[in-house]
């Protein structure tokens, strides 16, 4: 990585690009059975909600072909 050529007011800012920590993060604990079950239930709930919204929303998205001429002729004959 090329070094910066512009002046930097603080030395630690210039050295921050190549700083590496010597502190290792703690090891991750294995997920418990309850946590795995909770994640599965959350995933199934989200999938079921999306599927339900599609099933309930499909009738609203369908295009019904109703003849407009018969509705206008019924109105005109009504007078």
PDB file of N, CA and C in Angstrom:
ATOM      1  N   UNK A   1       0.851  -1.170   0.000  1.00  0.00           N
ATOM      2  CA  UNK A   1       0.000   0.000   0.000  1.00  0.00           C
ATOM      3  C   UNK A   1       0.899   1.236   0.000  1.00  0.00           C
ATOM      4  N   UNK A   2       0.654   2.164  -0.891  1.00  0.00           N
ATOM      5  CA  UNK A   2       1.524   3.344  -0.955  1.00  0.00           C
ATOM      6  C   UNK A   2       1.316   4.247   0.247  1.00  0.00           C
ATOM      7  N   UNK A   3       2.395   4.888   0.650  1.00  0.00           N
ATOM      8  CA  UNK A   3       2.311   5.816   1.777  1.00  0.00           C
ATOM      9  C   UNK A   3       1.694   7.122   1.338  1.00  0.00           C
ATOM     10  N   UNK A   4       1.085   7.793   2.281  1.00  0.00           N
ATOM     11  CA  UNK A   4       0.480   9.093   1.994  1.00  0.00           C
ATOM     12  C   UNK A   4       1.564  10.144   1.872  1.00  0.00           C
ATOM     13  N   UNK A   5       1.401  11.036   0.931  1.00  0.00           N
ATOM     14  CA  UNK A   5       2.394  12.091   0.723  1.00  0.00           C
ATOM     15  C   UNK A   5       1.975  13.405   1.390  1.00  0.00           C
ATOM     16  N   UNK A   6       0.675  13.577   1.668  1.00  0.00           N
ATOM     17  CA  UNK A   6       0.237  14.828   2.276  1.00  0.00           C
ATOM     18  C   UNK A   6       0.548  14.810   3.773  1.00  0.00           C
ATOM     19  N   UNK A   7       0.748  15.971   4.356  1.00  0.00           N
ATOM     20  CA  UNK A   7       1.052  16.010   5.788  1.00  0.00           C
ATOM     21  C   UNK A   7      -0.198  15.645   6.612  1.00  0.00           C
ATOM     22  N   UNK A   8       0.045  14.913   7.679  1.00  0.00           N
ATOM     23  CA  UNK A   8      -1.035  14.481   8.560  1.00  0.00           C
ATOM     24  C   UNK A   8      -0.762  15.086   9.931  1.00  0.00           C
ATOM     25  N   UNK A   9      -1.764  15.719  10.562  1.00  0.00           N
ATOM     26  CA  UNK A   9      -1.504  16.396  11.824  1.00  0.00           C
ATOM     27  C   UNK A   9      -1.160  15.454  12.978  1.00  0.00           C
ATOM     28  N   UNK A  10      -1.640  14.228  12.952  1.00  0.00           N
ATOM     29  CA  UNK A  10      -1.370  13.318  14.058  1.00  0.00           C
ATOM     30  C   UNK A  10      -0.666  12.079  13.513  1.00  0.00           C
ATOM     31  N   UNK A  11       0.330  11.638  14.201  1.00  0.00           N
ATOM     32  CA  UNK A  11       1.121  10.507  13.731  1.00  0.00           C
ATOM     33  C   UNK A  11       0.322   9.210  13.743  1.00  0.00           C
ATOM     34  N   UNK A  12      -0.586   9.030  14.719  1.00  0.00           N
ATOM     35  CA  UNK A  12      -1.327   7.775  14.795  1.00  0.00           C
ATOM     36  C   UNK A  12      -2.296   7.626  13.638  1.00  0.00           C
ATOM     37  N   UNK A  13      -2.743   8.732  13.055  1.00  0.00           N
ATOM     38  CA  UNK A  13      -3.628   8.647  11.895  1.00  0.00           C
ATOM     39  C   UNK A  13      -2.863   8.113  10.698  1.00  0.00           C
ATOM     40  N   UNK A  14      -1.639   8.544  10.530  1.00  0.00           N
ATOM     41  CA  UNK A  14      -0.820   8.080   9.416  1.00  0.00           C
ATOM     42  C   UNK A  14      -0.452   6.613   9.584  1.00  0.00           C
ATOM     43  N   UNK A  15      -0.268   6.160  10.805  1.00  0.00           N
ATOM     44  CA  UNK A  15       0.113   4.773  11.049  1.00  0.00           C
ATOM     45  C   UNK A  15      -1.083   3.841  11.137  1.00  0.00           C
ATOM     46  N   UNK A  16      -2.290   4.357  11.086  1.00  0.00           N
ATOM     47  CA  UNK A  16      -3.486   3.530  11.270  1.00  0.00           C
ATOM     48  C   UNK A  16      -3.698   2.555  10.125  1.00  0.00           C
ATOM     49  N   UNK A  17      -3.162   2.847   8.940  1.00  0.00           N
ATOM     50  CA  UNK A  17      -3.362   1.958   7.806  1.00  0.00           C
ATOM     51  C   UNK A  17      -2.660   0.616   7.993  1.00  0.00           C
ATOM     52  N   UNK A  18      -1.572   0.602   8.683  1.00  0.00           N
ATOM     53  CA  UNK A  18      -0.832  -0.650   8.823  1.00  0.00           C
ATOM     54  C   UNK A  18      -0.860  -1.195  10.240  1.00  0.00           C
ATOM     55  N   UNK A  19      -1.755  -0.701  11.084  1.00  0.00           N
ATOM     56  CA  UNK A  19      -1.851  -1.188  12.455  1.00  0.00           C
ATOM     57  C   UNK A  19      -2.576  -2.529  12.478  1.00  0.00           C
ATOM     58  N   UNK A  20      -2.025  -3.482  13.168  1.00  0.00           N
ATOM     59  CA  UNK A  20      -2.648  -4.786  13.357  1.00  0.00           C
ATOM     60  C   UNK A  20      -2.713  -5.060  14.855  1.00  0.00           C
ATOM     61  N   UNK A  21      -3.847  -5.512  15.284  1.00  0.00           N
ATOM     62  CA  UNK A  21      -4.028  -5.790  16.701  1.00  0.00           C
ATOM     63  C   UNK A  21      -3.446  -7.155  17.047  1.00  0.00           C
ATOM     64  N   UNK A  22      -2.873  -7.263  18.226  1.00  0.00           N
ATOM     65  CA  UNK A  22      -2.365  -8.550  18.687  1.00  0.00           C
ATOM     66  C   UNK A  22      -3.337  -9.210  19.650  1.00  0.00           C
ATOM     67  N   UNK A  23      -4.526  -8.648  19.795  1.00  0.00           N
ATOM     68  CA  UNK A  23      -5.538  -9.201  20.682  1.00  0.00           C
ATOM     69  C   UNK A  23      -6.449 -10.103  19.863  1.00  0.00           C
ATOM     70  N   UNK A  24      -6.546 -11.353  20.259  1.00  0.00           N
ATOM     71  CA  UNK A  24      -7.420 -12.275  19.538  1.00  0.00           C
ATOM     72  C   UNK A  24      -8.811 -12.240  20.149  1.00  0.00           C
ATOM     73  N   UNK A  25      -9.843 -12.271  19.331  1.00  0.00           N
ATOM     74  CA  UNK A  25     -11.197 -12.265  19.881  1.00  0.00           C
ATOM     75  C   UNK A  25     -11.488 -13.584  20.587  1.00  0.00           C
ATOM     76  N   UNK A  26     -12.418 -13.563  21.516  1.00  0.00           N
ATOM     77  CA  UNK A  26     -12.740 -14.814  22.223  1.00  0.00           C
ATOM     78  C   UNK A  26     -13.366 -15.811  21.251  1.00  0.00           C
ATOM     79  N   UNK A  27     -13.182 -17.097  21.501  1.00  0.00           N
ATOM     80  CA  UNK A  27     -13.765 -18.091  20.603  1.00  0.00           C
ATOM     81  C   UNK A  27     -15.292 -18.061  20.683  1.00  0.00           C
ATOM     82  N   UNK A  28     -15.919 -18.325  19.554  1.00  0.00           N
ATOM     83  CA  UNK A  28     -17.388 -18.313  19.533  1.00  0.00           C
ATOM     84  C   UNK A  28     -17.909 -19.613  20.143  1.00  0.00           C
ATOM     85  N   UNK A  29     -18.981 -19.467  20.888  1.00  0.00           N
ATOM     86  CA  UNK A  29     -19.593 -20.635  21.516  1.00  0.00           C
ATOM     87  C   UNK A  29     -20.452 -21.344  20.484  1.00  0.00           C
ATOM     88  N   UNK A  30     -20.533 -22.655  20.527  1.00  0.00           N
ATOM     89  CA  UNK A  30     -21.422 -23.354  19.609  1.00  0.00           C
ATOM     90  C   UNK A  30     -22.880 -23.031  19.948  1.00  0.00           C
ATOM     91  N   UNK A  31     -23.696 -22.933  18.910  1.00  0.00           N
ATOM     92  CA  UNK A  31     -25.098 -22.582  19.121  1.00  0.00           C
ATOM     93  C   UNK A  31     -25.820 -23.724  19.832  1.00  0.00           C
ATOM     94  N   UNK A  32     -26.647 -23.351  20.776  1.00  0.00           N
ATOM     95  CA  UNK A  32     -27.400 -24.357  21.517  1.00  0.00           C
ATOM     96  C   UNK A  32     -28.594 -24.826  20.679  1.00  0.00           C
ATOM     97  N   UNK A  33     -29.225 -25.895  21.119  1.00  0.00           N
ATOM     98  CA  UNK A  33     -30.367 -26.451  20.389  1.00  0.00           C
ATOM     99  C   UNK A  33     -31.534 -25.455  20.379  1.00  0.00           C
ATOM    100  N   UNK A  34     -31.707 -24.756  21.475  1.00  0.00           N
ATOM    101  CA  UNK A  34     -32.793 -23.770  21.536  1.00  0.00           C
ATOM    102  C   UNK A  34     -32.581 -22.618  20.579  1.00  0.00           C
ATOM    103  N   UNK A  35     -31.322 -22.183  20.460  1.00  0.00           N
ATOM    104  CA  UNK A  35     -31.015 -21.088  19.544  1.00  0.00           C
ATOM    105  C   UNK A  35     -31.209 -21.524  18.090  1.00  0.00           C
ATOM    106  N   UNK A  36     -30.795 -22.745  17.764  1.00  0.00           N
ATOM    107  CA  UNK A  36     -30.984 -23.264  16.405  1.00  0.00           C
ATOM    108  C   UNK A  36     -32.473 -23.398  16.098  1.00  0.00           C
ATOM    109  N   UNK A  37     -33.246 -23.905  17.054  1.00  0.00           N
ATOM    110  CA  UNK A  37     -34.687 -24.046  16.854  1.00  0.00           C
ATOM    111  C   UNK A  37     -35.341 -22.680  16.682  1.00  0.00           C
ATOM    112  N   UNK A  38     -34.901 -21.703  17.442  1.00  0.00           N
ATOM    113  CA  UNK A  38     -35.448 -20.359  17.308  1.00  0.00           C
ATOM    114  C   UNK A  38     -35.155 -19.753  15.950  1.00  0.00           C
ATOM    115  N   UNK A  39     -33.949 -19.962  15.439  1.00  0.00           N
ATOM    116  CA  UNK A  39     -33.608 -19.456  14.112  1.00  0.00           C
ATOM    117  C   UNK A  39     -34.440 -20.134  13.035  1.00  0.00           C
ATOM    118  N   UNK A  40     -34.641 -21.453  13.186  1.00  0.00           N
ATOM    119  CA  UNK A  40     -35.473 -22.180  12.209  1.00  0.00           C
ATOM    120  C   UNK A  40     -36.916 -21.672  12.239  1.00  0.00           C
ATOM    121  N   UNK A  41     -37.445 -21.473  13.431  1.00  0.00           N
ATOM    122  CA  UNK A  41     -38.823 -20.981  13.536  1.00  0.00           C
ATOM    123  C   UNK A  41     -38.954 -19.579  12.970  1.00  0.00           C
ATOM    124  N   UNK A  42     -37.957 -18.746  13.191  1.00  0.00           N
ATOM    125  CA  UNK A  42     -38.005 -17.399  12.634  1.00  0.00           C
ATOM    126  C   UNK A  42     -37.964 -17.455  11.108  1.00  0.00           C
ATOM    127  N   UNK A  43     -37.110 -18.291  10.552  1.00  0.00           N
ATOM    128  CA  UNK A  43     -37.035 -18.432   9.107  1.00  0.00           C
ATOM    129  C   UNK A  43     -38.331 -18.965   8.519  1.00  0.00           C
ATOM    130  N   UNK A  44     -38.913 -19.967   9.173  1.00  0.00           N
ATOM    131  CA  UNK A  44     -40.187 -20.513   8.692  1.00  0.00           C
ATOM    132  C   UNK A  44     -41.310 -19.489   8.795  1.00  0.00           C
ATOM    133  N   UNK A  45     -41.289 -18.673   9.833  1.00  0.00           N
ATOM    134  CA  UNK A  45     -42.314 -17.635   9.979  1.00  0.00           C
ATOM    135  C   UNK A  45     -42.206 -16.607   8.869  1.00  0.00           C
ATOM    136  N   UNK A  46     -40.996 -16.216   8.522  1.00  0.00           N
ATOM    137  CA  UNK A  46     -40.806 -15.232   7.447  1.00  0.00           C
ATOM    138  C   UNK A  46     -41.234 -15.818   6.109  1.00  0.00           C
ATOM    139  N   UNK A  47     -40.865 -17.071   5.838  1.00  0.00           N
ATOM    140  CA  UNK A  47     -41.263 -17.708   4.584  1.00  0.00           C
ATOM    141  C   UNK A  47     -42.776 -17.867   4.520  1.00  0.00           C
ATOM    142  N   UNK A  48     -43.404 -18.264   5.619  1.00  0.00           N
ATOM    143  CA  UNK A  48     -44.858 -18.418   5.644  1.00  0.00           C
ATOM    144  C   UNK A  48     -45.560 -17.079   5.446  1.00  0.00           C
ATOM    145  N   UNK A  49     -45.004 -16.012   6.014  1.00  0.00           N
ATOM    146  CA  UNK A  49     -45.607 -14.690   5.839  1.00  0.00           C
ATOM    147  C   UNK A  49     -45.518 -14.236   4.386  1.00  0.00           C
ATOM    148  N   UNK A  50     -44.380 -14.484   3.748  1.00  0.00           N
ATOM    149  CA  UNK A  50     -44.252 -14.112   2.333  1.00  0.00           C
ATOM    150  C   UNK A  50     -45.189 -14.940   1.460  1.00  0.00           C
ATOM    151  N   UNK A  51     -45.270 -16.232   1.723  1.00  0.00           N
ATOM    152  CA  UNK A  51     -46.173 -17.083   0.945  1.00  0.00           C
ATOM    153  C   UNK A  51     -47.630 -16.679   1.176  1.00  0.00           C
ATOM    154  N   UNK A  52     -47.989 -16.384   2.404  1.00  0.00           N
ATOM    155  CA  UNK A  52     -49.362 -15.962   2.697  1.00  0.00           C
ATOM    156  C   UNK A  52     -49.715 -14.646   2.041  1.00  0.00           C
ATOM    157  N   UNK A  53     -48.761 -13.718   2.017  1.00  0.00           N
ATOM    158  CA  UNK A  53     -49.047 -12.439   1.367  1.00  0.00           C
ATOM    159  C   UNK A  53     -49.209 -12.617  -0.137  1.00  0.00           C
ATOM    160  N   UNK A  54     -48.452 -13.541  -0.717  1.00  0.00           N
ATOM    161  CA  UNK A  54     -48.638 -13.821  -2.146  1.00  0.00           C
ATOM    162  C   UNK A  54     -49.982 -14.470  -2.411  1.00  0.00           C
ATOM    163  N   UNK A  55     -50.353 -15.428  -1.574  1.00  0.00           N
ATOM    164  CA  UNK A  55     -51.631 -16.123  -1.780  1.00  0.00           C
ATOM    165  C   UNK A  55     -52.801 -15.167  -1.607  1.00  0.00           C
ATOM    166  N   UNK A  56     -52.743 -14.333  -0.575  1.00  0.00           N
ATOM    167  CA  UNK A  56     -53.841 -13.396  -0.347  1.00  0.00           C
ATOM    168  C   UNK A  56     -53.823 -12.229  -1.330  1.00  0.00           C
ATOM    169  N   UNK A  57     -52.660 -11.890  -1.856  1.00  0.00           N
ATOM    170  CA  UNK A  57     -52.562 -10.749  -2.748  1.00  0.00           C
ATOM    171  C   UNK A  57     -52.798 -11.070  -4.202  1.00  0.00           C
ATOM    172  N   UNK A  58     -52.733 -12.333  -4.590  1.00  0.00           N
ATOM    173  CA  UNK A  58     -52.911 -12.691  -6.001  1.00  0.00           C
ATOM    174  C   UNK A  58     -54.279 -12.301  -6.556  1.00  0.00           C
ATOM    175  N   UNK A  59     -55.385 -12.471  -5.833  1.00  0.00           N
ATOM    176  CA  UNK A  59     -56.670 -12.035  -6.404  1.00  0.00           C
ATOM    177  C   UNK A  59     -56.722 -10.534  -6.692  1.00  0.00           C
ATOM    178  N   UNK A  60     -56.019  -9.751  -5.908  1.00  0.00           N
ATOM    179  CA  UNK A  60     -56.022  -8.311  -6.140  1.00  0.00           C
ATOM    180  C   UNK A  60     -55.180  -7.941  -7.359  1.00  0.00           C
ATOM    181  N   UNK A  61     -54.252  -8.804  -7.742  1.00  0.00           N
ATOM    182  CA  UNK A  61     -53.390  -8.512  -8.879  1.00  0.00           C
ATOM    183  C   UNK A  61     -53.942  -9.027 -10.198  1.00  0.00           C
ATOM    184  N   UNK A  62     -54.968  -9.861 -10.154  1.00  0.00           N
ATOM    185  CA  UNK A  62     -55.523 -10.398 -11.389  1.00  0.00           C
ATOM    186  C   UNK A  62     -56.344  -9.327 -12.094  1.00  0.00           C
ATOM    187  N   UNK A  63     -56.324  -9.379 -13.411  1.00  0.00           N
ATOM    188  CA  UNK A  63     -57.070  -8.424 -14.223  1.00  0.00           C
ATOM    189  C   UNK A  63     -58.367  -9.095 -14.660  1.00  0.00           C
ATOM    190  N   UNK A  64     -59.473  -8.491 -14.314  1.00  0.00           N
ATOM    191  CA  UNK A  64     -60.774  -9.034 -14.731  1.00  0.00           C
ATOM    192  C   UNK A  64     -61.205  -8.308 -15.992  1.00  0.00           C
ATOM    193  N   UNK A  65     -61.627  -9.076 -16.964  1.00  0.00           N
ATOM    194  CA  UNK A  65     -62.067  -8.506 -18.234  1.00  0.00           C
ATOM    195  C   UNK A  65     -63.587  -8.399 -18.215  1.00  0.00           C
ATOM    196  N   UNK A  66     -64.093  -7.273 -17.769  1.00  0.00           N
ATOM    197  CA  UNK A  66     -65.535  -7.049 -17.798  1.00  0.00           C
ATOM    198  C   UNK A  66     -65.846  -6.143 -18.986  1.00  0.00           C
ATOM    199  N   UNK A  67     -66.790  -6.526 -19.774  1.00  0.00           N
ATOM    200  CA  UNK A  67     -67.112  -5.700 -20.942  1.00  0.00           C
ATOM    201  C   UNK A  67     -67.681  -4.348 -20.517  1.00  0.00           C
ATOM    202  N   UNK A  68     -67.029  -3.293 -20.933  1.00  0.00           N
ATOM    203  CA  UNK A  68     -67.445  -1.938 -20.548  1.00  0.00           C
ATOM    204  C   UNK A  68     -68.688  -1.511 -21.317  1.00  0.00           C
ATOM    205  N   UNK A  69     -68.897  -2.056 -22.493  1.00  0.00           N
ATOM    206  CA  UNK A  69     -70.047  -1.660 -23.306  1.00  0.00           C
ATOM    207  C   UNK A  69     -71.375  -2.050 -22.683  1.00  0.00           C
ATOM    208  N   UNK A  70     -71.467  -3.208 -22.033  1.00  0.00           N
ATOM    209  CA  UNK A  70     -72.726  -3.623 -21.428  1.00  0.00           C
ATOM    210  C   UNK A  70     -73.069  -2.767 -20.226  1.00  0.00           C
ATOM    211  N   UNK A  71     -72.073  -2.312 -19.484  1.00  0.00           N
ATOM    212  CA  UNK A  71     -72.372  -1.461 -18.342  1.00  0.00           C
ATOM    213  C   UNK A  71     -72.893  -0.112 -18.815  1.00  0.00           C
ATOM    214  N   UNK A  72     -72.323   0.429 -19.878  1.00  0.00           N
ATOM    215  CA  UNK A  72     -72.796   1.713 -20.372  1.00  0.00           C
ATOM    216  C   UNK A  72     -74.181   1.586 -21.003  1.00  0.00           C
ATOM    217  N   UNK A  73     -74.457   0.451 -21.675  1.00  0.00           N
ATOM    218  CA  UNK A  73     -75.758   0.306 -22.312  1.00  0.00           C
ATOM    219  C   UNK A  73     -76.851   0.116 -21.265  1.00  0.00           C
ATOM    220  N   UNK A  74     -76.525  -0.526 -20.159  1.00  0.00           N
ATOM    221  CA  UNK A  74     -77.517  -0.679 -19.099  1.00  0.00           C
ATOM    222  C   UNK A  74     -77.845   0.670 -18.478  1.00  0.00           C
ATOM    223  N   UNK A  75     -76.873   1.522 -18.347  1.00  0.00           N
ATOM    224  CA  UNK A  75     -77.110   2.848 -17.776  1.00  0.00           C
ATOM    225  C   UNK A  75     -77.928   3.666 -18.751  1.00  0.00           C
ATOM    226  N   UNK A  76     -77.627   3.573 -20.030  1.00  0.00           N
ATOM    227  CA  UNK A  76     -78.366   4.392 -21.008  1.00  0.00           C
ATOM    228  C   UNK A  76     -79.791   3.903 -21.195  1.00  0.00           C
ATOM    229  N   UNK A  77     -80.029   2.598 -21.023  1.00  0.00           N
ATOM    230  CA  UNK A  77     -81.395   2.084 -21.137  1.00  0.00           C
ATOM    231  C   UNK A  77     -82.217   2.374 -19.911  1.00  0.00           C
ATOM    232  N   UNK A  78     -81.585   2.676 -18.827  1.00  0.00           N
ATOM    233  CA  UNK A  78     -82.286   2.928 -17.583  1.00  0.00           C
ATOM    234  C   UNK A  78     -83.070   4.223 -17.601  1.00  0.00           C
ATOM    235  N   UNK A  79     -82.769   5.145 -18.498  1.00  0.00           N
ATOM    236  CA  UNK A  79     -83.480   6.429 -18.527  1.00  0.00           C
ATOM    237  C   UNK A  79     -84.714   6.381 -19.344  1.00  0.00           C
TER     238      UNK A  79
END
